[in-house]
Amino acid sequence: MKLYYSPGACSLSPHIVLCELGLPHETEKVDLKSHTTAGGADFYGINPKGYIPVLQMDNGERLTEGPAIVQFLADQKPAAGLLPAAGTLERARVQEWLNFIGTELHKNFSPLFNPTTPDETKASAIAAIGRRLEFIDKSLGGKDYLTGNQFTVADAYLFTIVNWTGHMGIDLAPYTTVAAFQKRVGARPAVQQALKAEGLI
């Protein structure tokens, strides 16, 4: 398998999952400004949507959208416990978090990455992020991870998005449980492996 990624972007989430599962894979860096891969290919030819992540299978098929990719990967090694069994409420809880992170947290960062976004819009986005972090902070109370004591694909996604707060000047000090979660997940060997592979540490 090959993961098309950009360092520290949302593609870090499936990269972490690949490392957690120990699945053989290669990576190819994508320049999102020029939409070219490290090998010189036109990235639009790989993903017409123009963004990462993209997981390319050994047979050439490609899968896009981070939450779909991490669930597919977790199902390759169900014994690892990164995603509960299909048809269970526990699995739906992980999917519930994946959807919340994707629509309520991840997307609120989008205006902050756009240099043309008006300051008023950025302020509104930061306020929305703060409300989401407050909710997550309360939800993590008394738990190591989002759904309990088992690390799941949702935790990999949350770690990835929360990592952006530092770059955006969003202080995690008011969200002590989120900050502790971030430190805990960041210390996992597989997370360290992915961070190092992307040149982030």
N, C-alpha and C. Protein backbone atom coordinates (compact mmCIF):
# COMPACT_ATOMS: atom_id res chain seq x y z
N MET A 1 0.84 -1.20 0.00
CA MET A 1 0.00 0.00 0.00
C MET A 1 0.87 1.25 0.00
N LYS A 2 0.32 2.31 -0.57
CA LYS A 2 1.03 3.58 -0.57
C LYS A 2 0.10 4.68 -0.06
N LEU A 3 0.62 5.50 0.84
CA LEU A 3 -0.14 6.63 1.36
C LEU A 3 0.43 7.92 0.78
N TYR A 4 -0.42 8.67 0.10
CA TYR A 4 -0.04 10.00 -0.36
C TYR A 4 -0.36 10.97 0.78
N TYR A 5 0.63 11.77 1.16
CA TYR A 5 0.49 12.59 2.36
C TYR A 5 1.15 13.96 2.20
N SER A 6 0.82 14.83 3.12
CA SER A 6 1.52 16.10 3.28
C SER A 6 1.87 16.20 4.75
N PRO A 7 3.10 16.54 5.11
CA PRO A 7 3.53 16.51 6.50
C PRO A 7 2.61 17.28 7.46
N GLY A 8 2.13 16.56 8.48
CA GLY A 8 1.32 17.19 9.52
C GLY A 8 -0.11 17.46 9.14
N ALA A 9 -0.48 17.20 7.89
CA ALA A 9 -1.86 17.43 7.44
C ALA A 9 -2.75 16.29 7.94
N CYS A 10 -4.01 16.29 7.53
CA CYS A 10 -4.93 15.27 8.01
C CYS A 10 -4.51 13.86 7.61
N SER A 11 -3.62 13.74 6.64
CA SER A 11 -3.09 12.43 6.24
C SER A 11 -2.24 11.79 7.34
N LEU A 12 -1.87 12.58 8.35
CA LEU A 12 -1.12 12.01 9.48
C LEU A 12 -1.95 10.94 10.20
N SER A 13 -3.26 11.12 10.20
CA SER A 13 -4.14 10.16 10.89
C SER A 13 -4.02 8.75 10.32
N PRO A 14 -4.22 8.53 9.01
CA PRO A 14 -4.01 7.18 8.49
C PRO A 14 -2.56 6.72 8.56
N HIS A 15 -1.63 7.67 8.52
CA HIS A 15 -0.22 7.30 8.67
C HIS A 15 0.01 6.68 10.06
N ILE A 16 -0.57 7.29 11.08
CA ILE A 16 -0.47 6.75 12.44
C ILE A 16 -1.10 5.36 12.51
N VAL A 17 -2.26 5.22 11.89
CA VAL A 17 -2.97 3.93 11.92
C VAL A 17 -2.15 2.85 11.21
N LEU A 18 -1.54 3.17 10.08
CA LEU A 18 -0.67 2.22 9.40
C LEU A 18 0.46 1.75 10.32
N CYS A 19 1.05 2.69 11.04
CA CYS A 19 2.15 2.36 11.96
C CYS A 19 1.65 1.57 13.16
N GLU A 20 0.50 1.94 13.69
CA GLU A 20 -0.08 1.21 14.83
C GLU A 20 -0.34 -0.25 14.45
N LEU A 21 -0.79 -0.48 13.24
CA LEU A 21 -1.13 -1.83 12.79
C LEU A 21 0.08 -2.60 12.28
N GLY A 22 1.18 -1.90 12.03
CA GLY A 22 2.36 -2.55 11.48
C GLY A 22 2.15 -3.05 10.07
N LEU A 23 1.28 -2.38 9.31
CA LEU A 23 1.02 -2.80 7.93
C LEU A 23 2.13 -2.30 7.01
N PRO A 24 2.65 -3.15 6.15
CA PRO A 24 3.68 -2.71 5.20
C PRO A 24 3.12 -1.60 4.30
N HIS A 25 3.87 -0.54 4.17
CA HIS A 25 3.40 0.56 3.34
C HIS A 25 4.56 1.43 2.91
N GLU A 26 4.33 2.21 1.88
CA GLU A 26 5.26 3.26 1.50
C GLU A 26 4.49 4.57 1.49
N THR A 27 5.21 5.67 1.48
CA THR A 27 4.55 6.98 1.46
C THR A 27 5.13 7.82 0.33
N GLU A 28 4.29 8.72 -0.16
CA GLU A 28 4.78 9.68 -1.16
C GLU A 28 4.22 11.06 -0.79
N LYS A 29 5.15 11.99 -0.64
CA LYS A 29 4.80 13.34 -0.24
C LYS A 29 4.15 14.10 -1.39
N VAL A 30 3.16 14.92 -1.04
CA VAL A 30 2.45 15.72 -2.04
C VAL A 30 2.61 17.20 -1.70
N ASP A 31 2.98 17.99 -2.69
CA ASP A 31 3.02 19.44 -2.54
C ASP A 31 1.62 19.95 -2.89
N LEU A 32 0.89 20.40 -1.88
CA LEU A 32 -0.50 20.80 -2.09
C LEU A 32 -0.64 22.15 -2.79
N LYS A 33 0.44 22.90 -2.87
CA LYS A 33 0.38 24.18 -3.60
C LYS A 33 0.50 23.96 -5.10
N SER A 34 1.43 23.10 -5.47
CA SER A 34 1.62 22.82 -6.91
C SER A 34 0.84 21.60 -7.38
N HIS A 35 0.29 20.85 -6.40
CA HIS A 35 -0.44 19.62 -6.70
C HIS A 35 0.39 18.63 -7.50
N THR A 36 1.64 18.48 -7.05
CA THR A 36 2.52 17.47 -7.63
C THR A 36 3.06 16.58 -6.52
N THR A 37 3.36 15.36 -6.89
CA THR A 37 3.92 14.42 -5.91
C THR A 37 5.44 14.54 -5.91
N ALA A 38 6.05 13.95 -4.91
CA ALA A 38 7.51 13.97 -4.82
C ALA A 38 8.14 13.33 -6.06
N GLY A 39 7.41 12.41 -6.67
CA GLY A 39 7.91 11.76 -7.89
C GLY A 39 7.65 12.55 -9.16
N GLY A 40 6.98 13.71 -9.01
CA GLY A 40 6.74 14.57 -10.17
C GLY A 40 5.41 14.37 -10.86
N ALA A 41 4.55 13.51 -10.31
CA ALA A 41 3.26 13.25 -10.94
C ALA A 41 2.26 14.37 -10.63
N ASP A 42 1.32 14.56 -11.53
CA ASP A 42 0.22 15.49 -11.31
C ASP A 42 -0.74 14.85 -10.31
N PHE A 43 -0.88 15.46 -9.15
CA PHE A 43 -1.68 14.84 -8.10
C PHE A 43 -3.17 14.78 -8.47
N TYR A 44 -3.63 15.69 -9.30
CA TYR A 44 -5.02 15.63 -9.74
C TYR A 44 -5.31 14.35 -10.51
N GLY A 45 -4.27 13.77 -11.10
CA GLY A 45 -4.44 12.49 -11.79
C GLY A 45 -4.58 11.34 -10.82
N ILE A 46 -4.16 11.56 -9.59
CA ILE A 46 -4.25 10.54 -8.55
C ILE A 46 -5.54 10.72 -7.76
N ASN A 47 -5.85 11.96 -7.43
CA ASN A 47 -7.10 12.28 -6.75
C ASN A 47 -7.68 13.56 -7.36
N PRO A 48 -8.72 13.43 -8.17
CA PRO A 48 -9.31 14.61 -8.82
C PRO A 48 -9.80 15.66 -7.83
N LYS A 49 -10.02 15.26 -6.57
CA LYS A 49 -10.44 16.22 -5.54
C LYS A 49 -9.29 17.17 -5.20
N GLY A 50 -8.07 16.72 -5.43
CA GLY A 50 -6.92 17.58 -5.22
C GLY A 50 -6.38 17.63 -3.81
N TYR A 51 -6.88 16.78 -2.92
CA TYR A 51 -6.36 16.82 -1.55
C TYR A 51 -6.03 15.43 -1.02
N ILE A 52 -5.27 15.44 0.05
CA ILE A 52 -4.85 14.20 0.69
C ILE A 52 -5.79 13.94 1.89
N PRO A 53 -5.79 12.70 2.40
CA PRO A 53 -4.96 11.55 2.05
C PRO A 53 -5.55 10.73 0.90
N VAL A 54 -4.68 9.97 0.29
CA VAL A 54 -5.08 8.95 -0.67
C VAL A 54 -4.32 7.68 -0.32
N LEU A 55 -5.05 6.58 -0.22
CA LEU A 55 -4.42 5.28 0.02
C LEU A 55 -4.53 4.48 -1.27
N GLN A 56 -3.38 4.11 -1.82
CA GLN A 56 -3.35 3.31 -3.04
C GLN A 56 -3.06 1.86 -2.69
N MET A 57 -3.94 0.97 -3.13
CA MET A 57 -3.78 -0.46 -2.86
C MET A 57 -2.73 -1.05 -3.80
N ASP A 58 -2.31 -2.24 -3.47
CA ASP A 58 -1.32 -2.93 -4.30
C ASP A 58 -1.85 -3.23 -5.70
N ASN A 59 -3.20 -3.32 -5.83
CA ASN A 59 -3.79 -3.59 -7.15
C ASN A 59 -4.06 -2.31 -7.94
N GLY A 60 -3.66 -1.15 -7.36
CA GLY A 60 -3.83 0.12 -8.05
C GLY A 60 -5.07 0.90 -7.66
N GLU A 61 -6.03 0.24 -7.00
CA GLU A 61 -7.23 0.96 -6.57
C GLU A 61 -6.87 1.99 -5.51
N ARG A 62 -7.63 3.08 -5.49
CA ARG A 62 -7.35 4.16 -4.53
C ARG A 62 -8.57 4.46 -3.69
N LEU A 63 -8.31 4.78 -2.42
CA LEU A 63 -9.36 5.16 -1.48
C LEU A 63 -9.03 6.53 -0.94
N THR A 64 -10.03 7.41 -0.90
CA THR A 64 -9.82 8.76 -0.37
C THR A 64 -10.72 8.97 0.85
N GLU A 65 -10.55 10.12 1.50
CA GLU A 65 -11.28 10.54 2.70
C GLU A 65 -10.73 9.80 3.94
N GLY A 66 -10.09 10.58 4.80
CA GLY A 66 -9.42 10.03 5.97
C GLY A 66 -10.24 9.08 6.82
N PRO A 67 -11.47 9.45 7.24
CA PRO A 67 -12.26 8.54 8.07
C PRO A 67 -12.54 7.20 7.40
N ALA A 68 -12.76 7.21 6.08
CA ALA A 68 -12.98 5.95 5.36
C ALA A 68 -11.70 5.12 5.33
N ILE A 69 -10.57 5.80 5.11
CA ILE A 69 -9.29 5.10 5.03
C ILE A 69 -8.94 4.43 6.36
N VAL A 70 -9.08 5.16 7.47
CA VAL A 70 -8.67 4.58 8.75
C VAL A 70 -9.55 3.40 9.14
N GLN A 71 -10.83 3.45 8.78
CA GLN A 71 -11.70 2.31 9.08
C GLN A 71 -11.33 1.10 8.22
N PHE A 72 -11.04 1.34 6.95
CA PHE A 72 -10.62 0.26 6.07
C PHE A 72 -9.35 -0.39 6.61
N LEU A 73 -8.38 0.44 7.00
CA LEU A 73 -7.12 -0.09 7.52
C LEU A 73 -7.34 -0.90 8.79
N ALA A 74 -8.14 -0.37 9.71
CA ALA A 74 -8.38 -1.08 10.98
C ALA A 74 -9.01 -2.44 10.74
N ASP A 75 -9.85 -2.54 9.72
CA ASP A 75 -10.49 -3.82 9.42
C ASP A 75 -9.53 -4.85 8.82
N GLN A 76 -8.34 -4.40 8.40
CA GLN A 76 -7.34 -5.34 7.90
C GLN A 76 -6.73 -6.16 9.03
N LYS A 77 -6.76 -5.58 10.25
CA LYS A 77 -6.22 -6.27 11.43
C LYS A 77 -7.17 -6.05 12.60
N PRO A 78 -8.33 -6.68 12.57
CA PRO A 78 -9.33 -6.44 13.61
C PRO A 78 -8.85 -6.78 15.02
N ALA A 79 -7.94 -7.74 15.13
CA ALA A 79 -7.45 -8.15 16.46
C ALA A 79 -6.70 -7.02 17.17
N ALA A 80 -6.23 -6.03 16.41
CA ALA A 80 -5.50 -4.90 17.02
C ALA A 80 -6.42 -4.01 17.84
N GLY A 81 -7.72 -4.08 17.60
CA GLY A 81 -8.68 -3.35 18.41
C GLY A 81 -8.82 -1.87 18.10
N LEU A 82 -8.33 -1.43 16.94
CA LEU A 82 -8.44 0.00 16.62
C LEU A 82 -9.84 0.39 16.16
N LEU A 83 -10.68 -0.61 15.90
CA LEU A 83 -12.06 -0.36 15.50
C LEU A 83 -12.89 -1.58 15.92
N PRO A 84 -13.93 -1.37 16.74
CA PRO A 84 -14.77 -2.50 17.16
C PRO A 84 -15.46 -3.19 15.99
N ALA A 85 -16.03 -4.33 16.25
CA ALA A 85 -16.66 -5.13 15.21
C ALA A 85 -17.86 -4.42 14.58
N ALA A 86 -18.07 -4.68 13.30
CA ALA A 86 -19.22 -4.11 12.58
C ALA A 86 -20.51 -4.57 13.23
N GLY A 87 -21.48 -3.65 13.27
CA GLY A 87 -22.78 -3.99 13.83
C GLY A 87 -22.91 -3.77 15.32
N THR A 88 -21.81 -3.36 15.97
CA THR A 88 -21.85 -3.12 17.41
C THR A 88 -22.02 -1.63 17.69
N LEU A 89 -22.60 -1.35 18.86
CA LEU A 89 -22.74 0.04 19.28
C LEU A 89 -21.36 0.66 19.48
N GLU A 90 -20.42 -0.14 19.94
CA GLU A 90 -19.05 0.35 20.16
C GLU A 90 -18.43 0.87 18.87
N ARG A 91 -18.69 0.17 17.76
CA ARG A 91 -18.18 0.65 16.47
C ARG A 91 -18.86 1.96 16.09
N ALA A 92 -20.16 2.02 16.30
CA ALA A 92 -20.90 3.24 15.98
C ALA A 92 -20.39 4.42 16.81
N ARG A 93 -19.96 4.17 18.03
CA ARG A 93 -19.41 5.25 18.87
C ARG A 93 -18.12 5.81 18.25
N VAL A 94 -17.28 4.93 17.75
CA VAL A 94 -16.05 5.38 17.09
C VAL A 94 -16.41 6.18 15.83
N GLN A 95 -17.38 5.69 15.07
CA GLN A 95 -17.81 6.40 13.87
C GLN A 95 -18.44 7.75 14.21
N GLU A 96 -19.14 7.78 15.34
CA GLU A 96 -19.74 9.03 15.82
C GLU A 96 -18.65 10.07 16.06
N TRP A 97 -17.55 9.64 16.68
CA TRP A 97 -16.43 10.56 16.93
C TRP A 97 -15.74 10.96 15.63
N LEU A 98 -15.56 10.01 14.71
CA LEU A 98 -14.93 10.34 13.43
C LEU A 98 -15.73 11.42 12.69
N ASN A 99 -17.04 11.28 12.73
CA ASN A 99 -17.90 12.27 12.07
C ASN A 99 -17.83 13.62 12.77
N PHE A 100 -17.84 13.61 14.09
CA PHE A 100 -17.78 14.86 14.84
C PHE A 100 -16.46 15.58 14.58
N ILE A 101 -15.36 14.84 14.65
CA ILE A 101 -14.05 15.45 14.44
C ILE A 101 -13.96 16.02 13.02
N GLY A 102 -14.46 15.26 12.04
CA GLY A 102 -14.38 15.70 10.65
C GLY A 102 -15.21 16.92 10.34
N THR A 103 -16.43 16.95 10.85
CA THR A 103 -17.35 18.03 10.48
C THR A 103 -17.31 19.22 11.44
N GLU A 104 -17.05 18.97 12.69
CA GLU A 104 -17.14 20.04 13.69
C GLU A 104 -15.79 20.63 14.10
N LEU A 105 -14.73 19.83 14.00
CA LEU A 105 -13.41 20.32 14.42
C LEU A 105 -12.51 20.57 13.20
N HIS A 106 -12.29 19.53 12.41
CA HIS A 106 -11.42 19.62 11.24
C HIS A 106 -11.84 20.77 10.32
N LYS A 107 -13.11 20.81 9.94
CA LYS A 107 -13.57 21.80 8.97
C LYS A 107 -13.51 23.24 9.51
N ASN A 108 -13.57 23.40 10.81
CA ASN A 108 -13.48 24.75 11.37
C ASN A 108 -12.07 25.32 11.26
N PHE A 109 -11.08 24.45 11.02
CA PHE A 109 -9.71 24.93 10.82
C PHE A 109 -9.48 25.45 9.40
N SER A 110 -10.32 25.03 8.46
CA SER A 110 -10.10 25.38 7.06
C SER A 110 -9.92 26.87 6.81
N PRO A 111 -10.77 27.75 7.38
CA PRO A 111 -10.57 29.18 7.14
C PRO A 111 -9.24 29.70 7.66
N LEU A 112 -8.69 29.04 8.68
CA LEU A 112 -7.44 29.51 9.30
C LEU A 112 -6.24 29.24 8.40
N PHE A 113 -6.36 28.25 7.51
CA PHE A 113 -5.26 27.92 6.60
C PHE A 113 -5.27 28.77 5.34
N ASN A 114 -6.37 29.50 5.13
CA ASN A 114 -6.51 30.31 3.92
C ASN A 114 -6.09 31.75 4.22
N PRO A 115 -4.99 32.21 3.60
CA PRO A 115 -4.49 33.57 3.89
C PRO A 115 -5.45 34.68 3.48
N THR A 116 -6.43 34.37 2.63
CA THR A 116 -7.37 35.40 2.20
C THR A 116 -8.62 35.49 3.08
N THR A 117 -8.70 34.62 4.09
CA THR A 117 -9.87 34.64 4.97
C THR A 117 -9.89 35.93 5.79
N PRO A 118 -11.01 36.64 5.83
CA PRO A 118 -11.10 37.86 6.64
C PRO A 118 -10.91 37.57 8.13
N ASP A 119 -10.35 38.52 8.84
CA ASP A 119 -10.07 38.35 10.27
C ASP A 119 -11.33 37.99 11.06
N GLU A 120 -12.45 38.59 10.68
CA GLU A 120 -13.71 38.33 11.39
C GLU A 120 -14.12 36.86 11.25
N THR A 121 -13.93 36.32 10.05
CA THR A 121 -14.25 34.92 9.81
C THR A 121 -13.31 34.00 10.59
N LYS A 122 -12.03 34.38 10.63
CA LYS A 122 -11.06 33.59 11.40
C LYS A 122 -11.42 33.59 12.88
N ALA A 123 -11.81 34.72 13.39
CA ALA A 123 -12.18 34.83 14.81
C ALA A 123 -13.39 33.94 15.12
N SER A 124 -14.33 33.92 14.19
CA SER A 124 -15.51 33.07 14.36
C SER A 124 -15.13 31.59 14.36
N ALA A 125 -14.21 31.23 13.47
CA ALA A 125 -13.76 29.83 13.39
C ALA A 125 -13.02 29.43 14.67
N ILE A 126 -12.18 30.32 15.19
CA ILE A 126 -11.44 30.03 16.43
C ILE A 126 -12.40 29.86 17.60
N ALA A 127 -13.44 30.68 17.64
CA ALA A 127 -14.44 30.57 18.70
C ALA A 127 -15.16 29.22 18.61
N ALA A 128 -15.49 28.80 17.39
CA ALA A 128 -16.16 27.51 17.19
C ALA A 128 -15.24 26.36 17.60
N ILE A 129 -13.97 26.47 17.26
CA ILE A 129 -12.99 25.44 17.66
C ILE A 129 -12.93 25.35 19.18
N GLY A 130 -12.95 26.50 19.83
CA GLY A 130 -12.92 26.52 21.29
C GLY A 130 -14.11 25.79 21.90
N ARG A 131 -15.28 25.98 21.32
CA ARG A 131 -16.48 25.29 21.83
C ARG A 131 -16.37 23.79 21.62
N ARG A 132 -15.82 23.39 20.50
CA ARG A 132 -15.66 21.95 20.24
C ARG A 132 -14.61 21.34 21.19
N LEU A 133 -13.54 22.07 21.42
CA LEU A 133 -12.51 21.57 22.34
C LEU A 133 -13.05 21.45 23.75
N GLU A 134 -13.91 22.38 24.13
CA GLU A 134 -14.52 22.33 25.46
C GLU A 134 -15.38 21.07 25.60
N PHE A 135 -16.14 20.75 24.56
CA PHE A 135 -16.96 19.53 24.57
C PHE A 135 -16.08 18.29 24.66
N ILE A 136 -15.02 18.25 23.85
CA ILE A 136 -14.12 17.09 23.86
C ILE A 136 -13.43 16.97 25.22
N ASP A 137 -13.04 18.09 25.79
CA ASP A 137 -12.38 18.10 27.10
C ASP A 137 -13.26 17.42 28.15
N LYS A 138 -14.54 17.76 28.14
CA LYS A 138 -15.47 17.15 29.11
C LYS A 138 -15.69 15.68 28.80
N SER A 139 -15.77 15.34 27.53
CA SER A 139 -16.01 13.96 27.11
C SER A 139 -14.86 13.03 27.47
N LEU A 140 -13.65 13.58 27.50
CA LEU A 140 -12.46 12.78 27.82
C LEU A 140 -12.27 12.58 29.32
N GLY A 141 -13.06 13.26 30.11
CA GLY A 141 -12.92 13.17 31.57
C GLY A 141 -12.95 11.74 32.08
N GLY A 142 -11.92 11.33 32.79
CA GLY A 142 -11.85 9.99 33.37
C GLY A 142 -11.50 8.89 32.39
N LYS A 143 -11.15 9.26 31.15
CA LYS A 143 -10.83 8.26 30.12
C LYS A 143 -9.47 8.56 29.51
N ASP A 144 -8.78 7.52 29.10
CA ASP A 144 -7.51 7.71 28.39
C ASP A 144 -7.75 8.13 26.95
N TYR A 145 -8.83 7.57 26.35
CA TYR A 145 -9.13 7.83 24.95
C TYR A 145 -10.60 8.15 24.77
N LEU A 146 -11.00 8.50 23.57
CA LEU A 146 -12.35 9.00 23.34
C LEU A 146 -13.45 8.03 23.75
N THR A 147 -13.24 6.75 23.53
CA THR A 147 -14.29 5.78 23.86
C THR A 147 -13.97 4.92 25.07
N GLY A 148 -12.92 5.27 25.80
CA GLY A 148 -12.57 4.50 27.00
C GLY A 148 -11.08 4.33 27.15
N ASN A 149 -10.65 3.11 27.42
CA ASN A 149 -9.24 2.85 27.65
C ASN A 149 -8.54 2.24 26.44
N GLN A 150 -9.28 2.05 25.33
CA GLN A 150 -8.71 1.47 24.11
C GLN A 150 -8.47 2.55 23.07
N PHE A 151 -7.25 2.66 22.60
CA PHE A 151 -6.92 3.57 21.51
C PHE A 151 -7.61 3.11 20.24
N THR A 152 -8.27 4.03 19.54
CA THR A 152 -8.96 3.69 18.29
C THR A 152 -8.55 4.66 17.18
N VAL A 153 -9.08 4.41 15.99
CA VAL A 153 -8.78 5.28 14.86
C VAL A 153 -9.28 6.70 15.09
N ALA A 154 -10.31 6.86 15.91
CA ALA A 154 -10.83 8.20 16.21
C ALA A 154 -9.80 9.01 17.00
N ASP A 155 -9.04 8.34 17.85
CA ASP A 155 -8.01 9.03 18.63
C ASP A 155 -6.87 9.50 17.73
N ALA A 156 -6.54 8.70 16.73
CA ALA A 156 -5.50 9.10 15.77
C ALA A 156 -5.94 10.36 15.03
N TYR A 157 -7.21 10.42 14.68
CA TYR A 157 -7.74 11.58 13.96
C TYR A 157 -7.77 12.81 14.86
N LEU A 158 -8.24 12.63 16.09
CA LEU A 158 -8.29 13.77 17.02
C LEU A 158 -6.89 14.31 17.29
N PHE A 159 -5.94 13.44 17.53
CA PHE A 159 -4.56 13.86 17.77
C PHE A 159 -4.05 14.71 16.60
N THR A 160 -4.31 14.26 15.39
CA THR A 160 -3.85 14.95 14.19
C THR A 160 -4.41 16.37 14.11
N ILE A 161 -5.70 16.51 14.34
CA ILE A 161 -6.34 17.82 14.21
C ILE A 161 -5.95 18.74 15.36
N VAL A 162 -5.91 18.21 16.56
CA VAL A 162 -5.53 19.04 17.72
C VAL A 162 -4.09 19.54 17.58
N ASN A 163 -3.27 18.78 16.86
CA ASN A 163 -1.89 19.20 16.63
C ASN A 163 -1.81 20.55 15.92
N TRP A 164 -2.85 20.91 15.20
CA TRP A 164 -2.84 22.17 14.46
C TRP A 164 -3.00 23.39 15.36
N THR A 165 -3.46 23.19 16.58
CA THR A 165 -3.72 24.34 17.45
C THR A 165 -2.46 25.17 17.68
N GLY A 166 -1.32 24.50 17.83
CA GLY A 166 -0.07 25.22 18.06
C GLY A 166 0.28 26.15 16.91
N HIS A 167 0.11 25.67 15.68
CA HIS A 167 0.42 26.48 14.49
C HIS A 167 -0.54 27.66 14.36
N MET A 168 -1.73 27.49 14.89
CA MET A 168 -2.75 28.53 14.74
C MET A 168 -2.85 29.45 15.97
N GLY A 169 -1.96 29.25 16.92
CA GLY A 169 -1.95 30.10 18.11
C GLY A 169 -3.13 29.88 19.03
N ILE A 170 -3.70 28.68 18.99
CA ILE A 170 -4.81 28.34 19.89
C ILE A 170 -4.24 27.65 21.12
N ASP A 171 -4.44 28.26 22.26
CA ASP A 171 -3.87 27.77 23.52
C ASP A 171 -4.69 26.61 24.07
N LEU A 172 -4.04 25.49 24.37
CA LEU A 172 -4.74 24.34 24.94
C LEU A 172 -4.83 24.40 26.46
N ALA A 173 -4.24 25.42 27.06
CA ALA A 173 -4.24 25.51 28.53
C ALA A 173 -5.63 25.39 29.15
N PRO A 174 -6.68 26.00 28.56
CA PRO A 174 -8.01 25.86 29.17
C PRO A 174 -8.59 24.45 29.06
N TYR A 175 -7.97 23.62 28.22
CA TYR A 175 -8.50 22.28 27.96
C TYR A 175 -7.50 21.25 28.46
N THR A 176 -7.41 21.15 29.75
CA THR A 176 -6.35 20.33 30.37
C THR A 176 -6.46 18.85 30.01
N THR A 177 -7.68 18.35 29.87
CA THR A 177 -7.85 16.93 29.54
C THR A 177 -7.43 16.66 28.10
N VAL A 178 -7.74 17.60 27.21
CA VAL A 178 -7.31 17.48 25.81
C VAL A 178 -5.79 17.55 25.74
N ALA A 179 -5.19 18.47 26.48
CA ALA A 179 -3.73 18.61 26.49
C ALA A 179 -3.07 17.33 26.99
N ALA A 180 -3.64 16.72 28.02
CA ALA A 180 -3.09 15.47 28.56
C ALA A 180 -3.25 14.34 27.54
N PHE A 181 -4.40 14.31 26.87
CA PHE A 181 -4.64 13.32 25.81
C PHE A 181 -3.59 13.47 24.71
N GLN A 182 -3.35 14.71 24.31
CA GLN A 182 -2.40 14.97 23.23
C GLN A 182 -1.01 14.48 23.58
N LYS A 183 -0.62 14.69 24.82
CA LYS A 183 0.69 14.25 25.28
C LYS A 183 0.75 12.72 25.34
N ARG A 184 -0.33 12.12 25.82
CA ARG A 184 -0.40 10.65 25.96
C ARG A 184 -0.31 9.98 24.59
N VAL A 185 -1.10 10.47 23.64
CA VAL A 185 -1.09 9.87 22.30
C VAL A 185 0.24 10.14 21.61
N GLY A 186 0.76 11.34 21.78
CA GLY A 186 2.02 11.69 21.15
C GLY A 186 3.20 10.83 21.59
N ALA A 187 3.07 10.21 22.76
CA ALA A 187 4.15 9.37 23.28
C ALA A 187 4.07 7.93 22.77
N ARG A 188 2.98 7.57 22.11
CA ARG A 188 2.85 6.20 21.60
C ARG A 188 3.93 5.93 20.55
N PRO A 189 4.59 4.77 20.61
CA PRO A 189 5.68 4.47 19.67
C PRO A 189 5.27 4.62 18.20
N ALA A 190 4.08 4.16 17.84
CA ALA A 190 3.64 4.25 16.44
C ALA A 190 3.42 5.69 16.03
N VAL A 191 2.95 6.52 16.95
CA VAL A 191 2.74 7.94 16.65
C VAL A 191 4.10 8.62 16.45
N GLN A 192 5.04 8.29 17.31
CA GLN A 192 6.40 8.81 17.16
C GLN A 192 6.99 8.39 15.80
N GLN A 193 6.74 7.15 15.42
CA GLN A 193 7.24 6.64 14.14
C GLN A 193 6.68 7.45 12.98
N ALA A 194 5.37 7.72 13.00
CA ALA A 194 4.75 8.49 11.92
C ALA A 194 5.24 9.92 11.90
N LEU A 195 5.36 10.53 13.07
CA LEU A 195 5.84 11.91 13.17
C LEU A 195 7.25 12.04 12.62
N LYS A 196 8.09 11.08 12.97
CA LYS A 196 9.48 11.10 12.49
C LYS A 196 9.53 10.91 10.98
N ALA A 197 8.70 9.99 10.46
CA ALA A 197 8.70 9.72 9.03
C ALA A 197 8.27 10.95 8.22
N GLU A 198 7.45 11.80 8.84
CA GLU A 198 6.99 13.02 8.15
C GLU A 198 7.87 14.22 8.44
N GLY A 199 8.94 13.99 9.22
CA GLY A 199 9.87 15.07 9.51
C GLY A 199 9.32 16.10 10.49
N LEU A 200 8.37 15.67 11.32
CA LEU A 200 7.74 16.60 12.27
C LEU A 200 8.44 16.64 13.61
N ILE A 201 9.27 15.66 13.87
CA ILE A 201 10.09 15.65 15.10
C ILE A 201 11.49 15.15 14.73
